[in-house]
C-alpha atoms as a PDB file:
ATOM      1  CA  MET A   1       0.000   0.000   0.000  1.00  0.00           C
ATOM      2  CA  HIS A   2       2.822   2.444   0.887  1.00  0.00           C
ATOM      3  CA  VAL A   3       4.667   1.578  -2.321  1.00  0.00           C
ATOM      4  CA  ARG A   4       1.601   2.426  -4.469  1.00  0.00           C
ATOM      5  CA  LEU A   5       1.121   5.722  -2.631  1.00  0.00           C
ATOM      6  CA  ALA A   6       4.788   6.586  -3.082  1.00  0.00           C
ATOM      7  CA  ARG A   7       4.590   5.783  -6.819  1.00  0.00           C
ATOM      8  CA  ARG A   8       1.477   7.931  -7.282  1.00  0.00           C
ATOM      9  CA  THR A   9       3.035  10.794  -5.370  1.00  0.00           C
ATOM     10  CA  LEU A  10       6.217  10.529  -7.428  1.00  0.00           C
ATOM     11  CA  LEU A  11       4.205  10.425 -10.663  1.00  0.00           C
ATOM     12  CA  ILE A  12       2.153  13.491  -9.688  1.00  0.00           C
ATOM     13  CA  LEU A  13       5.283  15.421  -8.688  1.00  0.00           C
ATOM     14  CA  SER A  14       6.979  14.468 -11.980  1.00  0.00           C
ATOM     15  CA  VAL A  15       4.017  15.683 -14.017  1.00  0.00           C
ATOM     16  CA  LEU A  16       3.922  18.952 -12.047  1.00  0.00           C
ATOM     17  CA  LEU A  17       7.656  19.463 -12.549  1.00  0.00           C
ATOM     18  CA  LEU A  18       7.406  18.848 -16.298  1.00  0.00           C
ATOM     19  CA  ALA A  19       4.439  21.214 -16.583  1.00  0.00           C
ATOM     20  CA  THR A  20       6.357  23.912 -14.695  1.00  0.00           C
ATOM     21  CA  ILE A  21       9.447  23.506 -16.891  1.00  0.00           C
ATOM     22  CA  TRP A  22       7.304  23.662 -20.036  1.00  0.00           C
ATOM     23  CA  SER A  23       5.513  26.812 -18.812  1.00  0.00           C
ATOM     24  CA  VAL A  24       8.744  28.588 -17.888  1.00  0.00           C
ATOM     25  CA  ARG A  25      10.334  27.778 -21.248  1.00  0.00           C
ATOM     26  CA  ARG A  26       7.261  28.970 -23.106  1.00  0.00           C
ATOM     27  CA  LEU A  27       7.095  32.238 -21.172  1.00  0.00           C
ATOM     28  CA  SER A  28      10.811  32.924 -21.531  1.00  0.00           C
ATOM     29  CA  ARG A  29      10.796  32.882 -25.326  1.00  0.00           C
ATOM     30  CA  ARG A  30      11.448  36.350 -26.680  1.00  0.00           C
ATOM     31  CA  SER A  31       9.448  37.749 -29.538  1.00  0.00           C
ATOM     32  CA  ALA A  32      11.228  39.153 -32.551  1.00  0.00           C
ATOM     33  CA  GLY A  33       8.432  41.681 -32.947  1.00  0.00           C
ATOM     34  CA  LEU A  34       8.034  45.275 -31.885  1.00  0.00           C
ATOM     35  CA  ASP A  35       7.710  45.959 -28.148  1.00  0.00           C
ATOM     36  CA  VAL A  36       4.701  48.268 -27.845  1.00  0.00           C
ATOM     37  CA  GLU A  37       2.525  49.443 -24.969  1.00  0.00           C
ATOM     38  CA  LEU A  38      -0.943  50.891 -25.423  1.00  0.00           C
ATOM     39  CA  HIS A  39      -1.851  53.112 -22.518  1.00  0.00           C
ATOM     40  CA  SER A  40      -5.554  53.811 -22.224  1.00  0.00           C
ATOM     41  CA  ASP A  41      -5.844  54.445 -18.498  1.00  0.00           C
ATOM     42  CA  SER A  42      -2.295  55.312 -17.586  1.00  0.00           C
ATOM     43  CA  PRO A  43      -0.792  57.542 -14.937  1.00  0.00           C
ATOM     44  CA  LYS A  44       0.003  61.099 -15.948  1.00  0.00           C
ATOM     45  CA  PHE A  45       3.065  61.553 -18.125  1.00  0.00           C
ATOM     46  CA  GLY A  46       5.734  64.025 -17.131  1.00  0.00           C
ATOM     47  CA  CYS A  47       7.315  66.755 -19.204  1.00  0.00           C
ATOM     48  CA  SER A  48      10.461  64.728 -19.701  1.00  0.00           C
ATOM     49  CA  GLU A  49       8.758  62.430 -22.208  1.00  0.00           C
ATOM     50  CA  VAL A  50       9.562  62.706 -25.919  1.00  0.00           C
ATOM     51  CA  VAL A  51       6.476  62.845 -28.128  1.00  0.00           C
ATOM     52  CA  LEU A  52       6.607  61.939 -31.823  1.00  0.00           C
ATOM     53  CA  THR A  53       3.580  63.214 -33.725  1.00  0.00           C
ATOM     54  CA  VAL A  54       2.593  62.345 -37.289  1.00  0.00           C
ATOM     55  CA  SER A  55      -0.086  64.833 -38.354  1.00  0.00           C
ATOM     56  CA  ALA A  56      -2.713  64.806 -41.066  1.00  0.00           C
ATOM     57  CA  GLN A  57      -0.603  67.344 -42.979  1.00  0.00           C
ATOM     58  CA  HIS A  58       2.088  64.625 -43.251  1.00  0.00           C
ATOM     59  CA  LEU A  59       4.356  66.495 -40.844  1.00  0.00           C
ATOM     60  CA  VAL A  60       6.527  64.706 -38.325  1.00  0.00           C
ATOM     61  CA  LYS A  61       6.985  66.617 -35.095  1.00  0.00           C
ATOM     62  CA  VAL A  62       9.106  65.921 -32.041  1.00  0.00           C
ATOM     63  CA  ASN A  63       7.749  67.641 -28.928  1.00  0.00           C
ATOM     64  CA  GLY A  64       5.728  69.969 -31.150  1.00  0.00           C
ATOM     65  CA  HIS A  65       8.638  71.035 -33.393  1.00  0.00           C
ATOM     66  CA  PRO A  66       8.440  70.026 -37.093  1.00  0.00           C
ATOM     67  CA  ILE A  67      11.329  67.777 -38.124  1.00  0.00           C
ATOM     68  CA  PRO A  68      12.126  66.763 -41.716  1.00  0.00           C
ATOM     69  CA  HIS A  69      12.145  63.001 -42.289  1.00  0.00           C
ATOM     70  CA  GLU A  70      15.832  63.171 -43.255  1.00  0.00           C
ATOM     71  CA  SER A  71      16.917  64.585 -39.895  1.00  0.00           C
ATOM     72  CA  LEU A  72      14.477  62.683 -37.652  1.00  0.00           C
ATOM     73  CA  ALA A  73      16.988  59.946 -36.769  1.00  0.00           C
ATOM     74  CA  ALA A  74      19.708  62.442 -35.878  1.00  0.00           C
ATOM     75  CA  GLU A  75      17.302  64.521 -33.785  1.00  0.00           C
ATOM     76  CA  LEU A  76      16.102  61.481 -31.823  1.00  0.00           C
ATOM     77  CA  LYS A  77      19.667  60.206 -31.309  1.00  0.00           C
ATOM     78  CA  ASN A  78      20.574  63.614 -29.940  1.00  0.00           C
ATOM     79  CA  LEU A  79      17.532  63.758 -27.638  1.00  0.00           C
ATOM     80  CA  PHE A  80      17.999  60.250 -26.258  1.00  0.00           C
ATOM     81  CA  SER A  81      21.797  60.393 -25.931  1.00  0.00           C
ATOM     82  CA  GLU A  82      21.447  62.265 -22.637  1.00  0.00           C
ATOM     83  CA  ARG A  83      18.565  60.213 -21.249  1.00  0.00           C
ATOM     84  CA  TYR A  84      18.532  57.117 -19.123  1.00  0.00           C
ATOM     85  CA  LYS A  85      15.008  56.085 -20.151  1.00  0.00           C
ATOM     86  CA  HIS A  86      14.451  55.615 -23.852  1.00  0.00           C
ATOM     87  CA  VAL A  87      10.677  55.971 -24.096  1.00  0.00           C
ATOM     88  CA  LEU A  88       9.016  57.527 -27.118  1.00  0.00           C
ATOM     89  CA  LEU A  89       5.350  58.497 -27.018  1.00  0.00           C
ATOM     90  CA  VAL A  90       3.809  58.201 -30.478  1.00  0.00           C
ATOM     91  CA  ARG A  91       0.740  60.107 -31.614  1.00  0.00           C
ATOM     92  CA  ALA A  92      -0.680  59.610 -35.104  1.00  0.00           C
ATOM     93  CA  ASP A  93      -3.606  61.381 -36.701  1.00  0.00           C
ATOM     94  CA  PRO A  94      -6.440  58.970 -37.560  1.00  0.00           C
ATOM     95  CA  GLU A  95      -6.550  60.467 -41.070  1.00  0.00           C
ATOM     96  CA  ILE A  96      -3.099  59.213 -42.097  1.00  0.00           C
ATOM     97  CA  ILE A  97      -2.429  55.733 -43.370  1.00  0.00           C
ATOM     98  CA  PHE A  98      -0.848  53.208 -41.020  1.00  0.00           C
ATOM     99  CA  GLN A  99       2.251  52.836 -43.196  1.00  0.00           C
ATOM    100  CA  GLU A 100       3.098  56.539 -42.849  1.00  0.00           C
ATOM    101  CA  ALA A 101       3.070  56.324 -39.053  1.00  0.00           C
ATOM    102  CA  MET A 102       5.127  53.126 -39.102  1.00  0.00           C
ATOM    103  CA  GLU A 103       7.744  54.714 -41.384  1.00  0.00           C
ATOM    104  CA  ALA A 104       8.349  57.378 -38.728  1.00  0.00           C
ATOM    105  CA  VAL A 105       8.448  54.673 -36.030  1.00  0.00           C
ATOM    106  CA  ASP A 106      10.960  52.642 -38.102  1.00  0.00           C
ATOM    107  CA  ILE A 107      13.226  55.687 -38.390  1.00  0.00           C
ATOM    108  CA  ALA A 108      12.971  56.190 -34.626  1.00  0.00           C
ATOM    109  CA  ARG A 109      13.734  52.523 -33.887  1.00  0.00           C
ATOM    110  CA  GLY A 110      16.739  52.700 -36.214  1.00  0.00           C
ATOM    111  CA  ALA A 111      18.067  55.747 -34.382  1.00  0.00           C
ATOM    112  CA  VAL A 112      17.610  54.336 -30.871  1.00  0.00           C
ATOM    113  CA  PRO A 113      17.319  50.516 -31.020  1.00  0.00           C
ATOM    114  CA  ASP A 114      16.541  49.954 -27.323  1.00  0.00           C
ATOM    115  CA  MET A 115      13.683  52.442 -27.371  1.00  0.00           C
ATOM    116  CA  GLN A 116      10.332  51.563 -25.857  1.00  0.00           C
ATOM    117  CA  LEU A 117       7.345  52.797 -27.853  1.00  0.00           C
ATOM    118  CA  VAL A 118       4.091  53.916 -26.295  1.00  0.00           C
ATOM    119  CA  PHE A 119       1.268  54.604 -28.716  1.00  0.00           C
ATOM    120  CA  LEU A 120      -1.069  57.218 -27.311  1.00  0.00           C
ATOM    121  CA  THR A 121      -4.797  56.769 -27.498  1.00  0.00           C
ATOM    122  CA  PRO A 122      -7.204  59.699 -27.110  1.00  0.00           C
ATOM    123  CA  SER A 123      -8.030  58.699 -23.520  1.00  0.00           C
ATOM    124  CA  ALA A 124      -4.317  58.555 -22.620  1.00  0.00           C
ATOM    125  CA  GLU A 125      -3.778  62.036 -24.017  1.00  0.00           C
ATOM    126  CA  THR A 126      -6.377  63.463 -21.656  1.00  0.00           C
ATOM    127  CA  THR A 127      -4.273  62.371 -18.667  1.00  0.00           C
ATOM    128  CA  MET A 128      -1.190  64.341 -19.723  1.00  0.00           C
ATOM    129  CA  VAL A 129      -0.024  67.339 -17.764  1.00  0.00           C
ATOM    130  CA  CYS A 130       3.000  68.357 -19.794  1.00  0.00           C
ATOM    131  CA  PRO A 131       2.709  71.711 -21.597  1.00  0.00           C
ATOM    132  CA  ILE A 132       4.300  70.112 -24.663  1.00  0.00           C
ATOM    133  CA  VAL A 133       1.300  67.862 -25.256  1.00  0.00           C
ATOM    134  CA  GLU A 134      -1.340  69.524 -23.100  1.00  0.00           C
ATOM    135  CA  GLY A 135      -4.112  71.067 -25.136  1.00  0.00           C
ATOM    136  CA  PHE A 136      -3.767  68.731 -28.109  1.00  0.00           C
ATOM    137  CA  SER A 137      -7.478  68.084 -28.390  1.00  0.00           C
ATOM    138  CA  ARG A 138      -6.960  67.674 -32.096  1.00  0.00           C
ATOM    139  CA  MET A 139      -3.988  66.805 -34.201  1.00  0.00           C
ATOM    140  CA  ASP A 140      -2.186  69.858 -35.593  1.00  0.00           C
END
């Protein structure tokens, strides 16, 4: 009787161990995709954040200042060279095509490879307190 109980216990523990190992391996796999966060109900952003805006007029702006596509990478490298956190807030006008916004994001990712992207939704923009992005009720 004790031998059967010991075997069952050993079998159950083995199955649990294998399931744990399988789960850890599955969770530890890294994606080759783009690391993106969508903040809908996020805490307020500070003024130290860098905001990349792609407007309906096909302008790319960094913190409200228009930047030509050719110098966007250099501008972002310069901005992030002095920062510990490499977080870029991305705003895109709903009128533009997805590819246009992603081209600007690709340039940004090429300039600062370890950058974390945060795509802003309209509800996230209402929580901002920074004068750079405050008052953007519409894309300009």
